[in-house]
Amino acid sequence: MNAMVDDKTKRAPQDTKLISLTEDYEIDYWTEKFGVAPEALATAVRRVGHSAQKVDEYLRRVPQTSLTIMRPPRPPPSGRRWCDTL
């Protein structure tokens, strides 16, 4: 048995020092633990990395209103493709 694989029947991650955004149960755990929306958690992980301690410090320091998801660029005008705009 591989000791590195998370047991998906559990509600908490096996490694509580690192945050993974790839599993729904881990996102549920961390958003409940920190009391933030999934988008805010994802933003914090993008900004400071996957360390639970660094994310916790970041979320305490940064106002919730500034935790927004990076939006993709607007689509090009109709009839044009992205590669045509380069």
PDB file of N, CA and C in Angstrom:
ATOM      1  N   MET A   1       0.835  -1.184   0.000  1.00  0.00           N
ATOM      2  CA  MET A   1       0.000   0.000   0.000  1.00  0.00           C
ATOM      3  C   MET A   1       0.880   1.248   0.000  1.00  0.00           C
ATOM      4  N   ASN A   2       0.511   2.224  -0.779  1.00  0.00           N
ATOM      5  CA  ASN A   2       1.284   3.446  -0.902  1.00  0.00           C
ATOM      6  C   ASN A   2       0.894   4.416   0.210  1.00  0.00           C
ATOM      7  N   ALA A   3       1.832   4.777   1.069  1.00  0.00           N
ATOM      8  CA  ALA A   3       1.553   5.656   2.206  1.00  0.00           C
ATOM      9  C   ALA A   3       1.326   7.100   1.787  1.00  0.00           C
ATOM     10  N   MET A   4       1.669   7.467   0.553  1.00  0.00           N
ATOM     11  CA  MET A   4       1.541   8.850   0.099  1.00  0.00           C
ATOM     12  C   MET A   4       0.131   9.186  -0.410  1.00  0.00           C
ATOM     13  N   VAL A   5      -0.678   8.190  -0.669  1.00  0.00           N
ATOM     14  CA  VAL A   5      -2.002   8.413  -1.234  1.00  0.00           C
ATOM     15  C   VAL A   5      -2.985   8.752  -0.114  1.00  0.00           C
ATOM     16  N   ASP A   6      -3.787   9.795  -0.309  1.00  0.00           N
ATOM     17  CA  ASP A   6      -4.790  10.174   0.676  1.00  0.00           C
ATOM     18  C   ASP A   6      -5.911   9.152   0.706  1.00  0.00           C
ATOM     19  N   ASP A   7      -6.439   8.894   1.910  1.00  0.00           N
ATOM     20  CA  ASP A   7      -7.612   8.046   2.072  1.00  0.00           C
ATOM     21  C   ASP A   7      -8.832   8.921   1.848  1.00  0.00           C
ATOM     22  N   LYS A   8      -9.535   8.708   0.744  1.00  0.00           N
ATOM     23  CA  LYS A   8     -10.628   9.586   0.364  1.00  0.00           C
ATOM     24  C   LYS A   8     -11.889   9.395   1.198  1.00  0.00           C
ATOM     25  N   THR A   9     -11.895   8.397   2.072  1.00  0.00           N
ATOM     26  CA  THR A   9     -13.047   8.226   2.953  1.00  0.00           C
ATOM     27  C   THR A   9     -12.952   9.159   4.146  1.00  0.00           C
ATOM     28  N   LYS A  10     -11.802   9.749   4.364  1.00  0.00           N
ATOM     29  CA  LYS A  10     -11.612  10.678   5.476  1.00  0.00           C
ATOM     30  C   LYS A  10     -12.024  12.076   5.056  1.00  0.00           C
ATOM     31  N   ARG A  11     -12.400  12.901   6.030  1.00  0.00           N
ATOM     32  CA  ARG A  11     -12.835  14.254   5.757  1.00  0.00           C
ATOM     33  C   ARG A  11     -11.683  15.257   5.835  1.00  0.00           C
ATOM     34  N   ALA A  12     -10.575  14.878   6.409  1.00  0.00           N
ATOM     35  CA  ALA A  12      -9.424  15.769   6.540  1.00  0.00           C
ATOM     36  C   ALA A  12      -8.249  15.187   5.751  1.00  0.00           C
ATOM     37  N   PRO A  13      -7.401  16.050   5.227  1.00  0.00           N
ATOM     38  CA  PRO A  13      -6.238  15.549   4.487  1.00  0.00           C
ATOM     39  C   PRO A  13      -5.246  14.858   5.421  1.00  0.00           C
ATOM     40  N   GLN A  14      -4.492  13.914   4.890  1.00  0.00           N
ATOM     41  CA  GLN A  14      -3.483  13.229   5.693  1.00  0.00           C
ATOM     42  C   GLN A  14      -2.342  14.173   6.031  1.00  0.00           C
ATOM     43  N   ASP A  15      -1.976  15.034   5.110  1.00  0.00           N
ATOM     44  CA  ASP A  15      -0.905  15.992   5.343  1.00  0.00           C
ATOM     45  C   ASP A  15      -1.538  17.353   5.582  1.00  0.00           C
ATOM     46  N   THR A  16      -1.658  17.739   6.847  1.00  0.00           N
ATOM     47  CA  THR A  16      -2.311  19.007   7.168  1.00  0.00           C
ATOM     48  C   THR A  16      -1.345  20.188   7.124  1.00  0.00           C
ATOM     49  N   LYS A  17      -0.135  19.955   6.648  1.00  0.00           N
ATOM     50  CA  LYS A  17       0.821  21.057   6.494  1.00  0.00           C
ATOM     51  C   LYS A  17       0.750  21.665   5.101  1.00  0.00           C
ATOM     52  N   LEU A  18       0.185  20.911   4.151  1.00  0.00           N
ATOM     53  CA  LEU A  18       0.096  21.382   2.774  1.00  0.00           C
ATOM     54  C   LEU A  18      -1.358  21.386   2.309  1.00  0.00           C
ATOM     55  N   ILE A  19      -1.712  22.378   1.510  1.00  0.00           N
ATOM     56  CA  ILE A  19      -3.059  22.503   0.979  1.00  0.00           C
ATOM     57  C   ILE A  19      -3.073  22.053  -0.468  1.00  0.00           C
ATOM     58  N   SER A  20      -3.970  21.128  -0.765  1.00  0.00           N
ATOM     59  CA  SER A  20      -4.161  20.669  -2.133  1.00  0.00           C
ATOM     60  C   SER A  20      -5.508  21.166  -2.621  1.00  0.00           C
ATOM     61  N   LEU A  21      -5.541  21.699  -3.815  1.00  0.00           N
ATOM     62  CA  LEU A  21      -6.794  22.178  -4.401  1.00  0.00           C
ATOM     63  C   LEU A  21      -7.324  21.216  -5.460  1.00  0.00           C
ATOM     64  N   THR A  22      -6.808  19.996  -5.469  1.00  0.00           N
ATOM     65  CA  THR A  22      -7.206  19.044  -6.500  1.00  0.00           C
ATOM     66  C   THR A  22      -8.334  18.119  -6.057  1.00  0.00           C
ATOM     67  N   GLU A  23      -8.594  18.037  -4.761  1.00  0.00           N
ATOM     68  CA  GLU A  23      -9.633  17.140  -4.246  1.00  0.00           C
ATOM     69  C   GLU A  23     -10.717  17.948  -3.547  1.00  0.00           C
ATOM     70  N   ASP A  24     -11.975  17.655  -3.872  1.00  0.00           N
ATOM     71  CA  ASP A  24     -13.094  18.392  -3.282  1.00  0.00           C
ATOM     72  C   ASP A  24     -13.124  18.296  -1.763  1.00  0.00           C
ATOM     73  N   TYR A  25     -12.839  17.091  -1.218  1.00  0.00           N
ATOM     74  CA  TYR A  25     -12.893  16.947   0.234  1.00  0.00           C
ATOM     75  C   TYR A  25     -11.820  17.782   0.921  1.00  0.00           C
ATOM     76  N   GLU A  26     -10.674  17.986   0.281  1.00  0.00           N
ATOM     77  CA  GLU A  26      -9.641  18.832   0.866  1.00  0.00           C
ATOM     78  C   GLU A  26     -10.043  20.302   0.794  1.00  0.00           C
ATOM     79  N   ILE A  27     -10.628  20.713  -0.322  1.00  0.00           N
ATOM     80  CA  ILE A  27     -11.111  22.098  -0.438  1.00  0.00           C
ATOM     81  C   ILE A  27     -12.169  22.352   0.624  1.00  0.00           C
ATOM     82  N   ASP A  28     -13.093  21.403   0.812  1.00  0.00           N
ATOM     83  CA  ASP A  28     -14.119  21.545   1.848  1.00  0.00           C
ATOM     84  C   ASP A  28     -13.490  21.683   3.231  1.00  0.00           C
ATOM     85  N   TYR A  29     -12.491  20.855   3.511  1.00  0.00           N
ATOM     86  CA  TYR A  29     -11.816  20.901   4.812  1.00  0.00           C
ATOM     87  C   TYR A  29     -11.171  22.268   5.058  1.00  0.00           C
ATOM     88  N   TRP A  30     -10.384  22.732   4.084  1.00  0.00           N
ATOM     89  CA  TRP A  30      -9.634  23.975   4.283  1.00  0.00           C
ATOM     90  C   TRP A  30     -10.540  25.203   4.300  1.00  0.00           C
ATOM     91  N   THR A  31     -11.579  25.220   3.472  1.00  0.00           N
ATOM     92  CA  THR A  31     -12.479  26.381   3.490  1.00  0.00           C
ATOM     93  C   THR A  31     -13.237  26.454   4.808  1.00  0.00           C
ATOM     94  N   GLU A  32     -13.605  25.304   5.352  1.00  0.00           N
ATOM     95  CA  GLU A  32     -14.276  25.302   6.656  1.00  0.00           C
ATOM     96  C   GLU A  32     -13.302  25.699   7.759  1.00  0.00           C
ATOM     97  N   LYS A  33     -12.096  25.190   7.695  1.00  0.00           N
ATOM     98  CA  LYS A  33     -11.089  25.495   8.723  1.00  0.00           C
ATOM     99  C   LYS A  33     -10.774  26.991   8.761  1.00  0.00           C
ATOM    100  N   PHE A  34     -10.602  27.600   7.587  1.00  0.00           N
ATOM    101  CA  PHE A  34     -10.241  29.016   7.530  1.00  0.00           C
ATOM    102  C   PHE A  34     -11.463  29.935   7.464  1.00  0.00           C
ATOM    103  N   GLY A  35     -12.634  29.367   7.218  1.00  0.00           N
ATOM    104  CA  GLY A  35     -13.849  30.183   7.137  1.00  0.00           C
ATOM    105  C   GLY A  35     -13.874  31.105   5.929  1.00  0.00           C
ATOM    106  N   VAL A  36     -13.413  30.585   4.791  1.00  0.00           N
ATOM    107  CA  VAL A  36     -13.371  31.381   3.563  1.00  0.00           C
ATOM    108  C   VAL A  36     -14.043  30.631   2.424  1.00  0.00           C
ATOM    109  N   ALA A  37     -14.355  31.339   1.363  1.00  0.00           N
ATOM    110  CA  ALA A  37     -14.911  30.738   0.157  1.00  0.00           C
ATOM    111  C   ALA A  37     -13.802  30.004  -0.599  1.00  0.00           C
ATOM    112  N   PRO A  38     -14.162  29.017  -1.419  1.00  0.00           N
ATOM    113  CA  PRO A  38     -13.153  28.306  -2.216  1.00  0.00           C
ATOM    114  C   PRO A  38     -12.307  29.243  -3.083  1.00  0.00           C
ATOM    115  N   GLU A  39     -12.924  30.286  -3.609  1.00  0.00           N
ATOM    116  CA  GLU A  39     -12.189  31.241  -4.438  1.00  0.00           C
ATOM    117  C   GLU A  39     -11.109  31.955  -3.629  1.00  0.00           C
ATOM    118  N   ALA A  40     -11.436  32.322  -2.397  1.00  0.00           N
ATOM    119  CA  ALA A  40     -10.462  32.996  -1.539  1.00  0.00           C
ATOM    120  C   ALA A  40      -9.315  32.055  -1.189  1.00  0.00           C
ATOM    121  N   LEU A  41      -9.632  30.789  -0.937  1.00  0.00           N
ATOM    122  CA  LEU A  41      -8.593  29.803  -0.650  1.00  0.00           C
ATOM    123  C   LEU A  41      -7.674  29.639  -1.851  1.00  0.00           C
ATOM    124  N   ALA A  42      -8.246  29.527  -3.041  1.00  0.00           N
ATOM    125  CA  ALA A  42      -7.442  29.368  -4.257  1.00  0.00           C
ATOM    126  C   ALA A  42      -6.551  30.576  -4.485  1.00  0.00           C
ATOM    127  N   THR A  43      -7.079  31.770  -4.253  1.00  0.00           N
ATOM    128  CA  THR A  43      -6.284  32.984  -4.414  1.00  0.00           C
ATOM    129  C   THR A  43      -5.114  32.995  -3.438  1.00  0.00           C
ATOM    130  N   ALA A  44      -5.386  32.632  -2.193  1.00  0.00           N
ATOM    131  CA  ALA A  44      -4.325  32.608  -1.180  1.00  0.00           C
ATOM    132  C   ALA A  44      -3.237  31.603  -1.543  1.00  0.00           C
ATOM    133  N   VAL A  45      -3.630  30.431  -2.012  1.00  0.00           N
ATOM    134  CA  VAL A  45      -2.639  29.414  -2.405  1.00  0.00           C
ATOM    135  C   VAL A  45      -1.814  29.912  -3.591  1.00  0.00           C
ATOM    136  N   ARG A  46      -2.452  30.581  -4.548  1.00  0.00           N
ATOM    137  CA  ARG A  46      -1.698  31.145  -5.687  1.00  0.00           C
ATOM    138  C   ARG A  46      -0.702  32.194  -5.226  1.00  0.00           C
ATOM    139  N   ARG A  47      -1.076  32.967  -4.231  1.00  0.00           N
ATOM    140  CA  ARG A  47      -0.215  34.067  -3.789  1.00  0.00           C
ATOM    141  C   ARG A  47       0.963  33.614  -2.927  1.00  0.00           C
ATOM    142  N   VAL A  48       0.725  32.651  -1.993  1.00  0.00           N
ATOM    143  CA  VAL A  48       1.782  32.296  -1.041  1.00  0.00           C
ATOM    144  C   VAL A  48       2.237  30.848  -1.115  1.00  0.00           C
ATOM    145  N   GLY A  49       1.606  30.039  -1.942  1.00  0.00           N
ATOM    146  CA  GLY A  49       2.008  28.642  -2.047  1.00  0.00           C
ATOM    147  C   GLY A  49       1.095  27.713  -1.257  1.00  0.00           C
ATOM    148  N   HIS A  50       1.462  26.455  -1.169  1.00  0.00           N
ATOM    149  CA  HIS A  50       0.603  25.414  -0.612  1.00  0.00           C
ATOM    150  C   HIS A  50       0.788  25.192   0.890  1.00  0.00           C
ATOM    151  N   SER A  51       1.672  25.905   1.546  1.00  0.00           N
ATOM    152  CA  SER A  51       1.879  25.761   2.979  1.00  0.00           C
ATOM    153  C   SER A  51       0.648  26.253   3.734  1.00  0.00           C
ATOM    154  N   ALA A  52       0.069  25.372   4.571  1.00  0.00           N
ATOM    155  CA  ALA A  52      -1.119  25.745   5.345  1.00  0.00           C
ATOM    156  C   ALA A  52      -0.822  26.908   6.284  1.00  0.00           C
ATOM    157  N   GLN A  53       0.367  26.928   6.856  1.00  0.00           N
ATOM    158  CA  GLN A  53       0.738  28.008   7.768  1.00  0.00           C
ATOM    159  C   GLN A  53       0.810  29.348   7.030  1.00  0.00           C
ATOM    160  N   LYS A  54       1.430  29.370   5.853  1.00  0.00           N
ATOM    161  CA  LYS A  54       1.529  30.613   5.088  1.00  0.00           C
ATOM    162  C   LYS A  54       0.163  31.082   4.600  1.00  0.00           C
ATOM    163  N   VAL A  55      -0.696  30.146   4.184  1.00  0.00           N
ATOM    164  CA  VAL A  55      -2.043  30.513   3.743  1.00  0.00           C
ATOM    165  C   VAL A  55      -2.828  31.091   4.915  1.00  0.00           C
ATOM    166  N   ASP A  56      -2.721  30.471   6.082  1.00  0.00           N
ATOM    167  CA  ASP A  56      -3.408  30.970   7.280  1.00  0.00           C
ATOM    168  C   ASP A  56      -2.948  32.389   7.606  1.00  0.00           C
ATOM    169  N   GLU A  57      -1.650  32.616   7.595  1.00  0.00           N
ATOM    170  CA  GLU A  57      -1.116  33.960   7.869  1.00  0.00           C
ATOM    171  C   GLU A  57      -1.608  34.961   6.833  1.00  0.00           C
ATOM    172  N   TYR A  58      -1.622  34.559   5.578  1.00  0.00           N
ATOM    173  CA  TYR A  58      -2.075  35.442   4.503  1.00  0.00           C
ATOM    174  C   TYR A  58      -3.548  35.798   4.670  1.00  0.00           C
ATOM    175  N   LEU A  59      -4.379  34.797   4.955  1.00  0.00           N
ATOM    176  CA  LEU A  59      -5.812  35.043   5.100  1.00  0.00           C
ATOM    177  C   LEU A  59      -6.124  35.926   6.301  1.00  0.00           C
ATOM    178  N   ARG A  60      -5.315  35.843   7.345  1.00  0.00           N
ATOM    179  CA  ARG A  60      -5.508  36.717   8.520  1.00  0.00           C
ATOM    180  C   ARG A  60      -5.089  38.151   8.209  1.00  0.00           C
ATOM    181  N   ARG A  61      -4.124  38.301   7.331  1.00  0.00           N
ATOM    182  CA  ARG A  61      -3.526  39.605   7.035  1.00  0.00           C
ATOM    183  C   ARG A  61      -4.285  40.378   5.960  1.00  0.00           C
ATOM    184  N   VAL A  62      -4.849  39.679   4.987  1.00  0.00           N
ATOM    185  CA  VAL A  62      -5.450  40.324   3.829  1.00  0.00           C
ATOM    186  C   VAL A  62      -6.970  40.399   4.002  1.00  0.00           C
ATOM    187  N   PRO A  63      -7.568  41.563   3.775  1.00  0.00           N
ATOM    188  CA  PRO A  63      -9.030  41.653   3.870  1.00  0.00           C
ATOM    189  C   PRO A  63      -9.710  40.738   2.857  1.00  0.00           C
ATOM    190  N   GLN A  64     -10.821  40.118   3.253  1.00  0.00           N
ATOM    191  CA  GLN A  64     -11.524  39.174   2.388  1.00  0.00           C
ATOM    192  C   GLN A  64     -11.988  39.809   1.082  1.00  0.00           C
ATOM    193  N   THR A  65     -12.274  41.091   1.099  1.00  0.00           N
ATOM    194  CA  THR A  65     -12.767  41.735  -0.115  1.00  0.00           C
ATOM    195  C   THR A  65     -11.703  41.802  -1.205  1.00  0.00           C
ATOM    196  N   SER A  66     -10.435  41.696  -0.837  1.00  0.00           N
ATOM    197  CA  SER A  66      -9.381  41.766  -1.850  1.00  0.00           C
ATOM    198  C   SER A  66      -9.005  40.391  -2.395  1.00  0.00           C
ATOM    199  N   LEU A  67      -9.627  39.345  -1.881  1.00  0.00           N
ATOM    200  CA  LEU A  67      -9.324  37.995  -2.340  1.00  0.00           C
ATOM    201  C   LEU A  67     -10.249  37.630  -3.486  1.00  0.00           C
ATOM    202  N   THR A  68      -9.847  37.989  -4.674  1.00  0.00           N
ATOM    203  CA  THR A  68     -10.664  37.695  -5.842  1.00  0.00           C
ATOM    204  C   THR A  68      -9.928  36.755  -6.771  1.00  0.00           C
ATOM    205  N   ILE A  69     -10.691  36.083  -7.570  1.00  0.00           N
ATOM    206  CA  ILE A  69     -10.095  35.171  -8.553  1.00  0.00           C
ATOM    207  C   ILE A  69      -9.561  35.988  -9.715  1.00  0.00           C
ATOM    208  N   MET A  70      -8.420  35.599 -10.207  1.00  0.00           N
ATOM    209  CA  MET A  70      -7.900  36.250 -11.400  1.00  0.00           C
ATOM    210  C   MET A  70      -8.811  35.890 -12.559  1.00  0.00           C
ATOM    211  N   ARG A  71      -9.329  36.861 -13.225  1.00  0.00           N
ATOM    212  CA  ARG A  71     -10.240  36.624 -14.341  1.00  0.00           C
ATOM    213  C   ARG A  71      -9.458  36.475 -15.640  1.00  0.00           C
ATOM    214  N   PRO A  72      -9.936  35.600 -16.519  1.00  0.00           N
ATOM    215  CA  PRO A  72      -9.261  35.472 -17.817  1.00  0.00           C
ATOM    216  C   PRO A  72      -9.486  36.733 -18.635  1.00  0.00           C
ATOM    217  N   PRO A  73      -8.630  36.998 -19.592  1.00  0.00           N
ATOM    218  CA  PRO A  73      -8.811  38.192 -20.423  1.00  0.00           C
ATOM    219  C   PRO A  73     -10.113  38.118 -21.203  1.00  0.00           C
ATOM    220  N   ARG A  74     -10.607  39.274 -21.587  1.00  0.00           N
ATOM    221  CA  ARG A  74     -11.842  39.320 -22.382  1.00  0.00           C
ATOM    222  C   ARG A  74     -11.618  38.652 -23.726  1.00  0.00           C
ATOM    223  N   PRO A  75     -12.657  38.018 -24.259  1.00  0.00           N
ATOM    224  CA  PRO A  75     -12.496  37.402 -25.581  1.00  0.00           C
ATOM    225  C   PRO A  75     -12.299  38.475 -26.645  1.00  0.00           C
ATOM    226  N   PRO A  76     -11.659  38.135 -27.743  1.00  0.00           N
ATOM    227  CA  PRO A  76     -11.453  39.116 -28.807  1.00  0.00           C
ATOM    228  C   PRO A  76     -12.788  39.483 -29.460  1.00  0.00           C
ATOM    229  N   PRO A  77     -12.817  40.569 -30.185  1.00  0.00           N
ATOM    230  CA  PRO A  77     -14.048  40.938 -30.894  1.00  0.00           C
ATOM    231  C   PRO A  77     -14.504  39.779 -31.785  1.00  0.00           C
ATOM    232  N   SER A  78     -15.813  39.683 -31.986  1.00  0.00           N
ATOM    233  CA  SER A  78     -16.355  38.553 -32.748  1.00  0.00           C
ATOM    234  C   SER A  78     -15.708  38.459 -34.128  1.00  0.00           C
ATOM    235  N   GLY A  79     -15.559  37.246 -34.574  1.00  0.00           N
ATOM    236  CA  GLY A  79     -14.969  37.010 -35.886  1.00  0.00           C
ATOM    237  C   GLY A  79     -13.452  36.921 -35.861  1.00  0.00           C
ATOM    238  N   ARG A  80     -12.830  37.198 -34.707  1.00  0.00           N
ATOM    239  CA  ARG A  80     -11.368  37.124 -34.623  1.00  0.00           C
ATOM    240  C   ARG A  80     -10.985  36.041 -33.634  1.00  0.00           C
ATOM    241  N   ARG A  81      -9.849  35.429 -33.854  1.00  0.00           N
ATOM    242  CA  ARG A  81      -9.340  34.410 -32.956  1.00  0.00           C
ATOM    243  C   ARG A  81      -8.225  35.029 -32.121  1.00  0.00           C
ATOM    244  N   TRP A  82      -7.910  34.364 -30.990  1.00  0.00           N
ATOM    245  CA  TRP A  82      -6.839  34.885 -30.119  1.00  0.00           C
ATOM    246  C   TRP A  82      -5.534  35.029 -30.876  1.00  0.00           C
ATOM    247  N   CYS A  83      -5.219  34.062 -31.701  1.00  0.00           N
ATOM    248  CA  CYS A  83      -3.948  34.131 -32.411  1.00  0.00           C
ATOM    249  C   CYS A  83      -3.913  35.285 -33.421  1.00  0.00           C
ATOM    250  N   ASP A  84      -5.071  35.759 -33.866  1.00  0.00           N
ATOM    251  CA  ASP A  84      -5.102  36.890 -34.785  1.00  0.00           C
ATOM    252  C   ASP A  84      -4.782  38.214 -34.089  1.00  0.00           C
ATOM    253  N   THR A  85      -4.904  38.239 -32.755  1.00  0.00           N
ATOM    254  CA  THR A  85      -4.687  39.488 -32.027  1.00  0.00           C
ATOM    255  C   THR A  85      -3.235  39.652 -31.612  1.00  0.00           C
ATOM    256  N   LEU A  86      -2.422  38.633 -31.827  1.00  0.00           N
ATOM    257  CA  LEU A  86      -1.008  38.717 -31.420  1.00  0.00           C
ATOM    258  C   LEU A  86      -0.169  39.433 -32.431  1.00  0.00           C
TER     259      LEU A  86
END
